[in-house]
Amino acid sequence: MSKLFFVVFLCLIISVFAISPADIGCTDISQADFDEKNNNCIKCGEDGFGEEMVNRCRDKCFTDNFYQSCVDLLNKVYEEKDTPPVQE
């Protein structure tokens, strides 16, 4: 299992260095902004959601709701709510 995790992690790391804004159709974004947003997507993928999460996060040049959900997840916006008390 650890070998599989290592391979997936390695693929994610390689994808960081192998992608530029033009590769996904982002022509109106600076390299610095792209790198920051792309790193957010990769962090979501590292949290166990995988390459599909990274790809969906990058959709529409990071303007899709999926990107915002990823950022919210990283910022722990989604917290578990307390369960209501059991009434007897």
N, C-alpha and C. Protein backbone atom coordinates (compact mmCIF):
# COMPACT_ATOMS: atom_id res chain seq x y z
N MET A 1 0.82 -1.19 0.00
CA MET A 1 0.00 0.00 0.00
C MET A 1 0.87 1.25 0.00
N SER A 2 1.98 1.21 0.74
CA SER A 2 2.84 2.39 0.79
C SER A 2 3.50 2.65 -0.56
N LYS A 3 3.74 1.60 -1.33
CA LYS A 3 4.31 1.79 -2.67
C LYS A 3 3.31 2.49 -3.57
N LEU A 4 2.05 2.11 -3.47
CA LEU A 4 1.01 2.76 -4.26
C LEU A 4 0.89 4.22 -3.88
N PHE A 5 0.89 4.50 -2.59
CA PHE A 5 0.82 5.89 -2.13
C PHE A 5 1.99 6.68 -2.67
N PHE A 6 3.19 6.11 -2.62
CA PHE A 6 4.38 6.78 -3.12
C PHE A 6 4.26 7.09 -4.61
N VAL A 7 3.78 6.15 -5.39
CA VAL A 7 3.62 6.35 -6.83
C VAL A 7 2.62 7.47 -7.11
N VAL A 8 1.49 7.47 -6.41
CA VAL A 8 0.49 8.52 -6.60
C VAL A 8 1.06 9.86 -6.19
N PHE A 9 1.75 9.90 -5.07
CA PHE A 9 2.35 11.14 -4.60
C PHE A 9 3.39 11.64 -5.59
N LEU A 10 4.20 10.76 -6.12
CA LEU A 10 5.21 11.13 -7.09
C LEU A 10 4.57 11.70 -8.36
N CYS A 11 3.49 11.10 -8.81
CA CYS A 11 2.78 11.61 -9.99
C CYS A 11 2.24 13.01 -9.74
N LEU A 12 1.73 13.24 -8.56
CA LEU A 12 1.22 14.57 -8.22
C LEU A 12 2.35 15.59 -8.21
N ILE A 13 3.49 15.24 -7.65
CA ILE A 13 4.63 16.15 -7.61
C ILE A 13 5.12 16.46 -9.02
N ILE A 14 5.21 15.45 -9.85
CA ILE A 14 5.65 15.66 -11.22
C ILE A 14 4.69 16.56 -11.96
N SER A 15 3.40 16.41 -11.71
CA SER A 15 2.42 17.24 -12.40
C SER A 15 2.56 18.71 -12.02
N VAL A 16 3.09 19.00 -10.85
CA VAL A 16 3.30 20.39 -10.44
C VAL A 16 4.32 21.05 -11.35
N PHE A 17 5.38 20.34 -11.63
CA PHE A 17 6.46 20.91 -12.41
C PHE A 17 6.23 20.81 -13.91
N ALA A 18 5.28 20.04 -14.32
CA ALA A 18 5.09 19.79 -15.75
C ALA A 18 3.94 20.59 -16.35
N ILE A 19 3.31 21.48 -15.59
CA ILE A 19 2.14 22.18 -16.10
C ILE A 19 2.36 23.69 -16.04
N SER A 20 1.88 24.35 -17.06
CA SER A 20 1.93 25.81 -17.10
C SER A 20 0.52 26.32 -17.37
N PRO A 21 0.27 27.61 -17.17
CA PRO A 21 -1.08 28.14 -17.41
C PRO A 21 -1.60 27.84 -18.82
N ALA A 22 -0.73 27.94 -19.80
CA ALA A 22 -1.15 27.70 -21.18
C ALA A 22 -1.56 26.24 -21.41
N ASP A 23 -1.00 25.33 -20.63
CA ASP A 23 -1.32 23.91 -20.79
C ASP A 23 -2.79 23.60 -20.53
N ILE A 24 -3.43 24.38 -19.68
CA ILE A 24 -4.84 24.13 -19.38
C ILE A 24 -5.73 25.25 -19.89
N GLY A 25 -5.18 26.11 -20.75
CA GLY A 25 -5.99 27.15 -21.38
C GLY A 25 -6.15 28.42 -20.57
N CYS A 26 -5.30 28.63 -19.59
CA CYS A 26 -5.36 29.86 -18.79
C CYS A 26 -4.40 30.89 -19.38
N THR A 27 -4.93 31.80 -20.15
CA THR A 27 -4.07 32.79 -20.79
C THR A 27 -4.06 34.12 -20.05
N ASP A 28 -5.02 34.33 -19.15
CA ASP A 28 -5.12 35.62 -18.47
C ASP A 28 -4.78 35.53 -16.99
N ILE A 29 -3.85 34.66 -16.64
CA ILE A 29 -3.46 34.49 -15.24
C ILE A 29 -1.94 34.50 -15.17
N SER A 30 -1.41 35.18 -14.16
CA SER A 30 0.05 35.24 -14.01
C SER A 30 0.57 33.89 -13.54
N GLN A 31 1.84 33.68 -13.77
CA GLN A 31 2.45 32.41 -13.35
C GLN A 31 2.37 32.26 -11.83
N ALA A 32 2.55 33.35 -11.10
CA ALA A 32 2.50 33.28 -9.63
C ALA A 32 1.10 32.89 -9.14
N ASP A 33 0.06 33.51 -9.72
CA ASP A 33 -1.32 33.16 -9.34
C ASP A 33 -1.63 31.72 -9.72
N PHE A 34 -1.18 31.34 -10.90
CA PHE A 34 -1.39 29.97 -11.35
C PHE A 34 -0.74 28.98 -10.39
N ASP A 35 0.50 29.25 -10.01
CA ASP A 35 1.22 28.34 -9.11
C ASP A 35 0.50 28.21 -7.77
N GLU A 36 0.01 29.33 -7.24
CA GLU A 36 -0.70 29.30 -5.96
C GLU A 36 -1.97 28.47 -6.06
N LYS A 37 -2.76 28.72 -7.10
CA LYS A 37 -4.02 28.00 -7.26
C LYS A 37 -3.78 26.53 -7.58
N ASN A 38 -2.77 26.26 -8.38
CA ASN A 38 -2.44 24.88 -8.71
C ASN A 38 -1.98 24.12 -7.47
N ASN A 39 -1.20 24.78 -6.62
CA ASN A 39 -0.77 24.14 -5.38
C ASN A 39 -1.95 23.81 -4.48
N ASN A 40 -2.95 24.68 -4.44
CA ASN A 40 -4.16 24.38 -3.67
C ASN A 40 -4.83 23.11 -4.19
N CYS A 41 -4.91 23.00 -5.51
CA CYS A 41 -5.52 21.81 -6.11
C CYS A 41 -4.72 20.56 -5.77
N ILE A 42 -3.42 20.66 -5.81
CA ILE A 42 -2.57 19.51 -5.52
C ILE A 42 -2.71 19.11 -4.06
N LYS A 43 -2.82 20.09 -3.16
CA LYS A 43 -3.02 19.76 -1.75
C LYS A 43 -4.33 19.01 -1.55
N CYS A 44 -5.36 19.39 -2.28
CA CYS A 44 -6.63 18.65 -2.20
C CYS A 44 -6.43 17.22 -2.67
N GLY A 45 -5.67 17.06 -3.74
CA GLY A 45 -5.39 15.71 -4.24
C GLY A 45 -4.59 14.89 -3.26
N GLU A 46 -3.67 15.52 -2.55
CA GLU A 46 -2.85 14.81 -1.56
C GLU A 46 -3.66 14.40 -0.35
N ASP A 47 -4.75 15.10 -0.09
CA ASP A 47 -5.58 14.76 1.07
C ASP A 47 -6.41 13.51 0.83
N GLY A 48 -6.07 12.76 -0.21
CA GLY A 48 -6.72 11.48 -0.42
C GLY A 48 -7.73 11.46 -1.54
N PHE A 49 -7.87 12.56 -2.26
CA PHE A 49 -8.87 12.60 -3.31
C PHE A 49 -8.30 12.28 -4.69
N GLY A 50 -6.99 12.31 -4.83
CA GLY A 50 -6.33 11.83 -6.03
C GLY A 50 -6.30 12.79 -7.20
N GLU A 51 -5.81 12.26 -8.30
CA GLU A 51 -5.58 13.05 -9.51
C GLU A 51 -6.87 13.60 -10.10
N GLU A 52 -7.96 12.86 -9.98
CA GLU A 52 -9.24 13.35 -10.51
C GLU A 52 -9.65 14.64 -9.82
N MET A 53 -9.41 14.73 -8.53
CA MET A 53 -9.70 15.95 -7.77
C MET A 53 -8.86 17.10 -8.29
N VAL A 54 -7.60 16.84 -8.55
CA VAL A 54 -6.70 17.88 -9.06
C VAL A 54 -7.20 18.37 -10.41
N ASN A 55 -7.57 17.46 -11.30
CA ASN A 55 -8.04 17.85 -12.62
C ASN A 55 -9.34 18.64 -12.56
N ARG A 56 -10.27 18.21 -11.73
CA ARG A 56 -11.55 18.93 -11.60
C ARG A 56 -11.34 20.30 -10.97
N CYS A 57 -10.39 20.39 -10.07
CA CYS A 57 -10.08 21.66 -9.42
C CYS A 57 -9.53 22.67 -10.43
N ARG A 58 -8.77 22.20 -11.41
CA ARG A 58 -8.18 23.09 -12.42
C ARG A 58 -9.18 23.49 -13.52
N ASP A 59 -10.33 22.84 -13.57
CA ASP A 59 -11.30 23.11 -14.64
C ASP A 59 -11.63 24.60 -14.74
N LYS A 60 -11.83 25.03 -15.95
CA LYS A 60 -12.23 26.41 -16.25
C LYS A 60 -11.27 27.41 -15.63
N CYS A 61 -10.01 27.07 -15.64
CA CYS A 61 -8.94 27.95 -15.16
C CYS A 61 -9.19 28.39 -13.71
N PHE A 62 -9.56 27.45 -12.88
CA PHE A 62 -9.76 27.65 -11.45
C PHE A 62 -10.97 28.53 -11.12
N THR A 63 -11.88 28.72 -12.04
CA THR A 63 -13.06 29.56 -11.77
C THR A 63 -14.29 28.73 -11.45
N ASP A 64 -14.18 27.43 -11.55
CA ASP A 64 -15.31 26.56 -11.27
C ASP A 64 -15.57 26.48 -9.76
N ASN A 65 -16.78 26.16 -9.40
CA ASN A 65 -17.13 26.00 -7.98
C ASN A 65 -16.30 24.92 -7.30
N PHE A 66 -15.83 23.98 -8.08
CA PHE A 66 -15.03 22.89 -7.52
C PHE A 66 -13.74 23.42 -6.91
N TYR A 67 -13.13 24.42 -7.55
CA TYR A 67 -11.92 25.03 -6.99
C TYR A 67 -12.22 25.67 -5.64
N GLN A 68 -13.31 26.42 -5.57
CA GLN A 68 -13.67 27.08 -4.31
C GLN A 68 -13.95 26.05 -3.22
N SER A 69 -14.57 24.95 -3.59
CA SER A 69 -14.82 23.88 -2.62
C SER A 69 -13.51 23.30 -2.10
N CYS A 70 -12.55 23.18 -2.98
CA CYS A 70 -11.24 22.67 -2.59
C CYS A 70 -10.58 23.62 -1.60
N VAL A 71 -10.62 24.91 -1.90
CA VAL A 71 -10.04 25.91 -0.99
C VAL A 71 -10.75 25.89 0.36
N ASP A 72 -12.07 25.80 0.32
CA ASP A 72 -12.84 25.72 1.57
C ASP A 72 -12.45 24.49 2.38
N LEU A 73 -12.24 23.39 1.68
CA LEU A 73 -11.83 22.16 2.36
C LEU A 73 -10.47 22.34 3.02
N LEU A 74 -9.54 22.97 2.32
CA LEU A 74 -8.21 23.20 2.88
C LEU A 74 -8.26 24.15 4.07
N ASN A 75 -9.17 25.11 4.02
CA ASN A 75 -9.30 26.09 5.11
C ASN A 75 -10.22 25.60 6.22
N LYS A 76 -10.64 24.36 6.09
CA LYS A 76 -11.50 23.71 7.10
C LYS A 76 -12.79 24.47 7.34
N VAL A 77 -13.39 24.97 6.26
CA VAL A 77 -14.68 25.64 6.35
C VAL A 77 -15.76 24.63 6.70
N TYR A 78 -15.60 23.42 6.15
CA TYR A 78 -16.58 22.38 6.40
C TYR A 78 -16.23 21.67 7.70
N GLU A 79 -16.91 22.02 8.75
CA GLU A 79 -16.67 21.39 10.04
C GLU A 79 -17.83 20.46 10.36
N GLU A 80 -17.51 19.43 11.09
CA GLU A 80 -18.57 18.52 11.50
C GLU A 80 -19.46 19.24 12.50
N LYS A 81 -20.73 19.11 12.29
CA LYS A 81 -21.69 19.73 13.20
C LYS A 81 -21.97 18.76 14.34
N ASP A 82 -22.24 19.34 15.48
CA ASP A 82 -22.62 18.50 16.61
C ASP A 82 -23.94 17.84 16.31
N THR A 83 -24.06 16.64 16.74
CA THR A 83 -25.33 15.94 16.54
C THR A 83 -26.33 16.48 17.56
N PRO A 84 -27.57 16.55 17.18
CA PRO A 84 -28.57 17.06 18.12
C PRO A 84 -28.71 16.11 19.30
N PRO A 85 -29.07 16.66 20.45
CA PRO A 85 -29.21 15.79 21.62
C PRO A 85 -30.35 14.80 21.42
N VAL A 86 -30.17 13.64 21.98
CA VAL A 86 -31.18 12.59 21.89
C VAL A 86 -32.27 12.90 22.90
N GLN A 87 -33.48 12.95 22.42
CA GLN A 87 -34.60 13.22 23.32
C GLN A 87 -35.16 11.90 23.82
N GLU A 88 -35.38 11.85 25.09
CA GLU A 88 -35.90 10.60 25.68
C GLU A 88 -37.37 10.71 25.98
